[in-house]
N, C-alpha and C. Protein backbone atom coordinates (compact mmCIF):
# COMPACT_ATOMS: atom_id res chain seq x y z
N MET A 1 12.23 50.59 -6.47
CA MET A 1 13.22 51.61 -6.62
C MET A 1 12.03 52.73 -7.32
N LEU A 2 10.99 53.03 -7.98
CA LEU A 2 10.04 53.67 -7.79
C LEU A 2 10.15 54.56 -6.87
N ASN A 3 9.89 53.96 -6.34
CA ASN A 3 9.13 54.78 -4.48
C ASN A 3 10.18 55.35 -4.35
N ASP A 4 11.68 55.08 -4.58
CA ASP A 4 12.62 54.96 -3.76
C ASP A 4 12.90 56.95 -5.04
N LEU A 5 13.07 56.84 -6.12
CA LEU A 5 13.33 57.71 -6.34
C LEU A 5 11.87 59.07 -6.92
N ASN A 6 10.86 58.49 -5.93
CA ASN A 6 9.77 59.66 -6.29
C ASN A 6 9.99 60.18 -4.96
N TYR A 7 10.28 59.41 -3.85
CA TYR A 7 10.81 60.13 -2.63
C TYR A 7 12.01 61.05 -2.42
N LEU A 8 12.48 60.65 -3.29
CA LEU A 8 14.10 61.86 -3.49
C LEU A 8 13.29 63.32 -4.04
N ASN A 9 12.00 63.00 -4.99
CA ASN A 9 11.65 64.11 -4.99
C ASN A 9 13.08 65.23 -6.51
N THR A 10 13.17 64.96 -6.89
CA THR A 10 14.55 65.94 -7.17
C THR A 10 13.82 65.45 -8.90
N ARG A 11 12.99 64.30 -9.66
CA ARG A 11 12.28 64.42 -10.92
C ARG A 11 10.49 64.40 -10.71
N SER A 12 9.64 64.51 -11.32
CA SER A 12 8.46 64.34 -11.26
C SER A 12 8.49 62.99 -11.11
N GLU A 13 7.09 62.34 -11.02
CA GLU A 13 6.37 60.49 -10.78
C GLU A 13 6.96 60.57 -12.10
N LYS A 14 5.88 60.93 -12.92
CA LYS A 14 6.30 61.05 -14.60
C LYS A 14 7.80 60.87 -15.29
N GLU A 15 8.28 61.75 -14.65
CA GLU A 15 10.01 61.64 -15.71
C GLU A 15 10.58 60.26 -14.97
N ASN A 16 10.29 59.84 -14.02
CA ASN A 16 10.94 59.03 -13.64
C ASN A 16 10.20 57.52 -13.76
N THR A 17 9.04 57.41 -13.90
CA THR A 17 8.36 56.53 -15.03
C THR A 17 9.17 56.64 -15.97
N LYS A 18 9.51 57.39 -16.74
CA LYS A 18 9.71 57.15 -18.45
C LYS A 18 11.35 57.02 -18.10
N TYR A 19 12.19 57.11 -17.11
CA TYR A 19 13.27 57.00 -17.56
C TYR A 19 13.39 55.25 -16.64
N LEU A 20 12.97 54.88 -16.01
CA LEU A 20 13.05 53.92 -15.57
C LEU A 20 12.04 52.51 -16.16
N GLN A 21 12.51 51.32 -16.06
CA GLN A 21 11.88 49.88 -16.96
C GLN A 21 11.74 48.99 -15.99
N THR A 22 11.03 48.86 -15.57
CA THR A 22 10.94 46.96 -15.15
C THR A 22 10.55 46.14 -15.66
N ASN A 23 11.32 44.55 -15.89
CA ASN A 23 10.71 43.63 -16.71
C ASN A 23 10.85 42.63 -15.54
N ILE A 24 10.40 41.61 -15.66
CA ILE A 24 10.04 40.15 -14.65
C ILE A 24 10.19 39.14 -15.07
N ASP A 25 11.02 39.29 -16.34
CA ASP A 25 11.56 38.26 -17.47
C ASP A 25 13.03 38.87 -16.95
N PRO A 26 13.78 38.22 -16.64
CA PRO A 26 15.23 38.76 -16.55
C PRO A 26 16.29 38.67 -17.79
N TYR A 27 15.46 37.58 -18.99
CA TYR A 27 16.13 37.44 -19.64
C TYR A 27 15.87 38.25 -20.95
N LYS A 28 14.49 39.48 -20.82
CA LYS A 28 14.15 40.48 -21.21
C LYS A 28 14.55 41.63 -20.45
N ALA A 29 14.97 41.31 -19.57
CA ALA A 29 15.55 42.58 -18.34
C ALA A 29 16.63 43.22 -18.99
N ILE A 30 17.42 41.95 -19.87
CA ILE A 30 19.03 42.91 -19.93
C ILE A 30 19.05 42.43 -20.85
N GLU A 31 18.43 42.71 -22.21
CA GLU A 31 18.59 42.89 -23.49
C GLU A 31 19.01 43.92 -23.85
N GLY A 32 20.31 44.23 -24.90
CA GLY A 32 20.87 45.13 -24.78
C GLY A 32 21.82 46.70 -23.67
N ALA A 33 21.76 45.50 -22.64
CA ALA A 33 22.63 45.85 -21.53
C ALA A 33 24.27 45.32 -21.36
N HIS A 34 24.72 46.07 -20.87
CA HIS A 34 26.43 46.12 -21.16
C HIS A 34 26.23 45.63 -19.74
N ALA A 35 25.65 45.54 -18.33
CA ALA A 35 25.74 44.58 -17.41
C ALA A 35 25.17 44.22 -16.85
N VAL A 36 25.19 43.85 -15.34
CA VAL A 36 23.82 42.88 -14.36
C VAL A 36 24.74 42.87 -13.44
N ALA A 37 24.15 43.77 -12.62
CA ALA A 37 25.19 43.57 -11.01
C ALA A 37 23.94 42.85 -10.10
N LEU A 38 24.80 41.54 -9.42
CA LEU A 38 23.83 41.21 -8.59
C LEU A 38 24.46 41.95 -7.15
N LEU A 39 22.81 41.89 -6.14
CA LEU A 39 23.07 42.41 -5.28
C LEU A 39 22.29 42.01 -3.86
N THR A 40 22.02 40.54 -4.05
CA THR A 40 21.24 39.69 -3.61
C THR A 40 21.97 38.00 -3.79
N GLU A 41 21.52 36.85 -3.01
CA GLU A 41 22.30 36.25 -2.73
C GLU A 41 21.25 34.75 -3.44
N TRP A 42 20.40 35.24 -4.00
CA TRP A 42 18.90 34.65 -4.32
C TRP A 42 19.30 33.55 -5.05
N ASP A 43 18.99 32.20 -4.82
CA ASP A 43 19.64 31.08 -5.63
C ASP A 43 19.16 30.84 -6.94
N GLU A 44 17.82 32.18 -7.68
CA GLU A 44 17.27 31.38 -8.69
C GLU A 44 18.34 32.50 -9.38
N PHE A 45 19.34 32.91 -8.98
CA PHE A 45 20.35 33.85 -9.96
C PHE A 45 21.34 32.75 -10.67
N THR A 46 21.43 31.48 -9.81
CA THR A 46 22.56 30.50 -10.39
C THR A 46 22.07 29.34 -11.11
N SER A 47 20.82 29.39 -11.07
CA SER A 47 19.78 28.59 -12.11
C SER A 47 19.80 29.04 -13.77
N TYR A 48 20.62 30.69 -13.35
CA TYR A 48 19.71 31.47 -14.86
C TYR A 48 20.74 30.43 -16.27
N ASN A 49 20.56 30.91 -17.33
CA ASN A 49 21.65 29.90 -18.45
C ASN A 49 22.49 31.40 -18.60
N TRP A 50 22.82 31.46 -18.40
CA TRP A 50 23.96 32.82 -18.08
C TRP A 50 24.60 33.00 -19.84
N GLN A 51 24.50 31.73 -20.90
CA GLN A 51 25.05 31.67 -21.98
C GLN A 51 23.85 32.51 -23.05
N ALA A 52 22.78 32.22 -22.81
CA ALA A 52 21.61 33.10 -23.14
C ALA A 52 21.42 34.57 -22.99
N MET A 53 21.48 34.61 -21.27
CA MET A 53 21.78 36.04 -21.30
C MET A 53 22.95 36.57 -22.27
N TYR A 54 24.13 36.38 -21.99
CA TYR A 54 25.41 37.20 -22.47
C TYR A 54 25.23 37.02 -24.07
N ASP A 55 24.62 36.14 -24.89
CA ASP A 55 24.14 36.00 -25.88
C ASP A 55 23.27 37.62 -26.56
N VAL A 56 22.03 38.57 -25.23
CA VAL A 56 21.57 39.31 -26.04
C VAL A 56 22.01 40.40 -25.44
N MET A 57 23.09 40.67 -24.99
CA MET A 57 23.75 41.55 -24.23
C MET A 57 25.14 42.19 -25.01
N GLN A 58 25.02 43.65 -24.52
CA GLN A 58 26.38 44.44 -25.53
C GLN A 58 27.45 43.78 -24.98
N LYS A 59 28.17 43.94 -26.20
CA LYS A 59 29.60 44.05 -25.15
C LYS A 59 30.62 44.59 -25.79
N PRO A 60 31.23 44.91 -24.83
CA PRO A 60 31.78 43.52 -23.24
C PRO A 60 30.66 43.65 -22.23
N ALA A 61 30.99 42.80 -22.21
CA ALA A 61 29.10 41.97 -20.88
C ALA A 61 29.92 41.91 -19.97
N PHE A 62 29.48 42.80 -18.81
CA PHE A 62 29.87 42.38 -16.53
C PHE A 62 29.12 41.69 -16.44
N VAL A 63 29.54 40.61 -15.27
CA VAL A 63 28.71 40.85 -14.00
C VAL A 63 29.09 40.89 -13.61
N PHE A 64 28.82 41.74 -12.28
CA PHE A 64 29.37 42.42 -10.58
C PHE A 64 28.46 41.99 -9.64
N ASP A 65 29.48 40.70 -9.33
CA ASP A 65 28.60 39.55 -8.04
C ASP A 65 28.71 40.27 -7.04
N GLY A 66 27.82 40.61 -6.29
CA GLY A 66 27.39 41.60 -4.82
C GLY A 66 27.71 41.03 -3.58
N ARG A 67 27.61 38.98 -3.93
CA ARG A 67 27.19 38.15 -3.25
C ARG A 67 28.10 36.91 -3.51
N ASN A 68 29.12 37.11 -3.98
CA ASN A 68 30.14 35.71 -4.82
C ASN A 68 29.34 34.60 -4.36
N ILE A 69 28.10 34.69 -5.59
CA ILE A 69 27.73 33.26 -5.51
C ILE A 69 28.05 32.95 -6.35
N LEU A 70 28.00 33.10 -7.72
CA LEU A 70 28.01 32.38 -9.22
C LEU A 70 29.76 31.65 -9.42
N ASP A 71 29.82 31.36 -10.30
CA ASP A 71 31.36 30.31 -10.59
C ASP A 71 31.79 31.57 -11.71
N LYS A 72 32.93 32.18 -11.10
CA LYS A 72 33.71 33.21 -12.14
C LYS A 72 34.13 32.30 -13.32
N GLN A 73 34.78 30.93 -13.06
CA GLN A 73 34.97 30.64 -14.25
C GLN A 73 34.28 30.05 -15.50
N LYS A 74 33.59 29.97 -15.01
CA LYS A 74 32.02 29.60 -16.09
C LYS A 74 31.89 30.78 -16.89
N LEU A 75 31.61 31.40 -15.94
CA LEU A 75 30.78 32.98 -16.76
C LEU A 75 32.30 33.78 -17.64
N GLU A 76 33.45 33.77 -17.23
CA GLU A 76 34.66 33.87 -18.36
C GLU A 76 34.84 33.40 -19.49
N ALA A 77 34.36 32.28 -19.26
CA ALA A 77 34.55 31.39 -20.29
C ALA A 77 33.27 31.38 -21.12
N ILE A 78 32.14 31.87 -20.82
CA ILE A 78 30.80 31.94 -21.79
C ILE A 78 31.88 33.14 -22.68
N GLY A 79 32.47 34.79 -21.76
CA GLY A 79 32.45 35.92 -22.40
C GLY A 79 32.25 36.86 -21.64
N PHE A 80 31.46 36.41 -19.87
CA PHE A 80 31.46 37.55 -19.00
C PHE A 80 33.05 38.79 -19.28
N VAL A 81 32.97 39.80 -18.87
CA VAL A 81 34.23 40.39 -17.79
C VAL A 81 33.36 39.80 -16.37
N TYR A 82 33.86 39.50 -15.51
CA TYR A 82 33.33 39.09 -14.19
C TYR A 82 33.92 40.13 -12.93
N THR A 83 33.57 41.15 -12.11
CA THR A 83 34.18 40.66 -10.67
C THR A 83 33.17 40.38 -9.67
N ALA A 84 33.93 40.13 -8.58
CA ALA A 84 33.66 39.18 -7.11
C ALA A 84 33.48 40.90 -6.70
N ILE A 85 32.50 41.43 -6.28
CA ILE A 85 32.22 42.92 -5.14
C ILE A 85 32.92 42.20 -4.03
N GLY A 86 33.54 42.93 -3.05
CA GLY A 86 34.09 42.72 -1.76
C GLY A 86 34.94 41.08 -1.78
N SER A 87 35.43 40.91 -2.70
CA SER A 87 36.55 39.73 -2.19
C SER A 87 37.66 39.74 -2.94
């Protein structure tokens, strides 16, 4: 993402670095977020502890599932506002 932002050349690389955060731990990456957007069908997303994710997110908490790989009923039972994109 950083490379794409830098390629656009709308801000300096220093500014882009300031505004974009990355994290390899998905549970840390979503702390305080309102939404998760899944844009790939990688199997790892189906094995996440979605309750633990919900617990650290701001509410309302949204899941936008671009590949329709998650269990809508399970996520809604946790409390997520679930949207399957493209279905």
